[in-house]
């Protein structure tokens, strides 16, 4: 999303319940070959989100 990374993160936070703590990272992306016969290339940038919940009684 280029210069719109903040907006992308805000959309994710807005989708969560109010007060939900968030953490994560934005990486430059996956670098790997498209096939066994080509060199490694950048596939895309990646936003990683991990959601953990604790069961309450």
N, C-alpha and C. Protein backbone atom coordinates (compact mmCIF):
# COMPACT_ATOMS: atom_id res chain seq x y z
N UNK A 1 0.82 -1.19 0.00
CA UNK A 1 0.00 0.00 0.00
C UNK A 1 0.86 1.26 0.00
N UNK A 2 2.13 1.07 -0.21
CA UNK A 2 3.00 2.24 -0.34
C UNK A 2 2.97 3.13 0.87
N UNK A 3 2.64 4.40 0.66
CA UNK A 3 2.60 5.39 1.73
C UNK A 3 1.35 5.27 2.60
N UNK A 4 0.49 4.31 2.35
CA UNK A 4 -0.78 4.17 3.07
C UNK A 4 -0.74 3.06 4.12
N UNK A 5 0.45 2.71 4.60
CA UNK A 5 0.60 1.63 5.58
C UNK A 5 -0.19 1.94 6.84
N UNK A 6 -0.15 3.20 7.31
CA UNK A 6 -0.89 3.56 8.52
C UNK A 6 -2.38 3.27 8.36
N UNK A 7 -2.92 3.55 7.19
CA UNK A 7 -4.35 3.30 6.95
C UNK A 7 -4.65 1.81 6.99
N UNK A 8 -3.75 1.01 6.45
CA UNK A 8 -3.95 -0.44 6.44
C UNK A 8 -3.99 -0.98 7.87
N UNK A 9 -3.08 -0.51 8.72
CA UNK A 9 -3.04 -0.94 10.11
C UNK A 9 -4.29 -0.47 10.85
N UNK A 10 -4.73 0.75 10.61
CA UNK A 10 -5.93 1.27 11.26
C UNK A 10 -7.16 0.43 10.93
N UNK A 11 -7.29 -0.05 9.70
CA UNK A 11 -8.42 -0.89 9.31
C UNK A 11 -8.41 -2.18 10.13
N UNK A 12 -7.24 -2.76 10.32
CA UNK A 12 -7.15 -3.99 11.11
C UNK A 12 -7.55 -3.72 12.56
N UNK A 13 -7.03 -2.64 13.14
CA UNK A 13 -7.35 -2.31 14.53
C UNK A 13 -8.84 -2.03 14.69
N UNK A 14 -9.44 -1.35 13.73
CA UNK A 14 -10.88 -1.05 13.79
C UNK A 14 -11.73 -2.32 13.74
N UNK A 15 -11.21 -3.39 13.15
CA UNK A 15 -11.96 -4.64 13.04
C UNK A 15 -11.93 -5.45 14.33
N UNK A 16 -11.03 -5.09 15.25
CA UNK A 16 -10.91 -5.82 16.52
C UNK A 16 -11.82 -5.20 17.58
N UNK A 17 -12.07 -5.95 18.62
CA UNK A 17 -12.90 -5.45 19.72
C UNK A 17 -12.21 -4.26 20.38
N UNK A 18 -12.99 -3.28 20.85
CA UNK A 18 -12.40 -2.12 21.52
C UNK A 18 -11.52 -2.55 22.70
N UNK A 19 -10.37 -1.91 22.85
CA UNK A 19 -9.47 -2.23 23.94
C UNK A 19 -8.52 -3.38 23.68
N UNK A 20 -8.64 -4.02 22.50
CA UNK A 20 -7.76 -5.13 22.16
C UNK A 20 -6.33 -4.61 21.99
N UNK A 21 -5.38 -5.25 22.68
CA UNK A 21 -3.98 -4.89 22.53
C UNK A 21 -3.47 -5.45 21.21
N UNK A 22 -2.65 -4.69 20.52
CA UNK A 22 -2.12 -5.14 19.24
C UNK A 22 -0.61 -5.03 19.22
N UNK A 23 -0.01 -5.93 18.48
CA UNK A 23 1.42 -5.89 18.22
C UNK A 23 1.66 -6.58 16.90
N UNK A 24 2.76 -6.31 16.29
CA UNK A 24 3.06 -6.94 15.02
C UNK A 24 4.21 -6.24 14.33
N UNK A 25 4.39 -6.56 13.07
CA UNK A 25 5.46 -5.93 12.32
C UNK A 25 5.11 -5.92 10.84
N UNK A 26 5.76 -5.08 10.13
CA UNK A 26 5.60 -4.98 8.69
C UNK A 26 6.95 -5.30 8.09
N UNK A 27 7.04 -6.32 7.27
CA UNK A 27 8.32 -6.72 6.70
C UNK A 27 8.39 -6.37 5.22
N UNK A 28 9.60 -6.40 4.70
CA UNK A 28 9.80 -6.06 3.31
C UNK A 28 9.22 -7.12 2.38
N UNK A 29 8.97 -8.31 2.87
CA UNK A 29 8.26 -9.29 2.06
C UNK A 29 8.97 -10.61 1.91
N UNK A 30 8.40 -11.42 1.06
CA UNK A 30 8.94 -12.74 0.80
C UNK A 30 9.91 -12.67 -0.37
N UNK A 31 11.08 -13.24 -0.16
CA UNK A 31 12.06 -13.29 -1.23
C UNK A 31 12.34 -14.76 -1.50
N UNK A 32 11.97 -15.20 -2.68
CA UNK A 32 12.19 -16.59 -3.06
C UNK A 32 12.09 -16.70 -4.58
N UNK A 33 12.54 -17.82 -5.12
CA UNK A 33 12.42 -18.00 -6.57
C UNK A 33 10.97 -18.29 -6.97
N UNK A 34 10.61 -17.88 -8.17
CA UNK A 34 9.27 -18.18 -8.69
C UNK A 34 9.18 -19.65 -9.12
N UNK A 35 10.32 -20.22 -9.47
CA UNK A 35 10.37 -21.64 -9.81
C UNK A 35 11.79 -22.12 -9.54
N UNK A 36 12.01 -23.39 -9.67
CA UNK A 36 13.33 -23.96 -9.37
C UNK A 36 14.41 -23.50 -10.34
N UNK A 37 14.01 -22.90 -11.44
CA UNK A 37 14.99 -22.51 -12.47
C UNK A 37 15.23 -21.01 -12.53
N UNK A 38 14.70 -20.23 -11.58
CA UNK A 38 14.88 -18.78 -11.61
C UNK A 38 15.57 -18.28 -10.35
N UNK A 39 16.09 -17.06 -10.42
CA UNK A 39 16.72 -16.42 -9.27
C UNK A 39 15.64 -15.96 -8.28
N UNK A 40 16.07 -15.65 -7.07
CA UNK A 40 15.14 -15.13 -6.06
C UNK A 40 14.66 -13.73 -6.45
N UNK A 41 13.41 -13.47 -6.21
CA UNK A 41 12.79 -12.17 -6.49
C UNK A 41 11.93 -11.77 -5.30
N UNK A 42 11.71 -10.46 -5.13
CA UNK A 42 10.82 -9.96 -4.10
C UNK A 42 9.39 -10.20 -4.57
N UNK A 43 8.60 -10.89 -3.76
CA UNK A 43 7.21 -11.18 -4.12
C UNK A 43 6.29 -10.05 -3.71
N UNK A 44 6.46 -9.53 -2.48
CA UNK A 44 5.54 -8.51 -2.01
C UNK A 44 5.95 -8.09 -0.61
N UNK A 45 5.40 -7.00 -0.12
CA UNK A 45 5.57 -6.62 1.27
C UNK A 45 4.52 -7.38 2.08
N UNK A 46 4.80 -7.59 3.36
CA UNK A 46 3.93 -8.42 4.18
C UNK A 46 3.62 -7.74 5.51
N UNK A 47 2.36 -7.72 5.87
CA UNK A 47 1.96 -7.32 7.21
C UNK A 47 1.59 -8.59 7.95
N UNK A 48 2.22 -8.82 9.11
CA UNK A 48 1.96 -10.02 9.89
C UNK A 48 1.14 -9.66 11.11
N UNK A 49 0.03 -10.35 11.30
CA UNK A 49 -0.85 -10.12 12.44
C UNK A 49 -0.99 -11.44 13.18
N UNK A 50 -0.79 -11.39 14.48
CA UNK A 50 -0.99 -12.57 15.31
C UNK A 50 -2.07 -12.25 16.33
N UNK A 51 -3.07 -13.09 16.43
CA UNK A 51 -4.17 -12.87 17.36
C UNK A 51 -4.11 -13.96 18.42
N UNK A 52 -3.97 -13.56 19.68
CA UNK A 52 -3.95 -14.49 20.79
C UNK A 52 -5.12 -14.17 21.70
N UNK A 53 -5.78 -15.19 22.19
CA UNK A 53 -6.91 -14.98 23.11
C UNK A 53 -6.76 -15.91 24.29
N UNK A 54 -7.21 -15.42 25.43
CA UNK A 54 -7.19 -16.23 26.64
C UNK A 54 -8.63 -16.53 27.01
N UNK A 55 -8.91 -17.80 27.24
CA UNK A 55 -10.27 -18.20 27.59
C UNK A 55 -10.61 -17.72 28.99
N UNK A 56 -11.77 -17.11 29.13
CA UNK A 56 -12.20 -16.66 30.45
C UNK A 56 -13.36 -17.53 30.90
N UNK A 57 -13.48 -17.68 32.21
CA UNK A 57 -14.55 -18.54 32.73
C UNK A 57 -15.78 -17.75 33.04
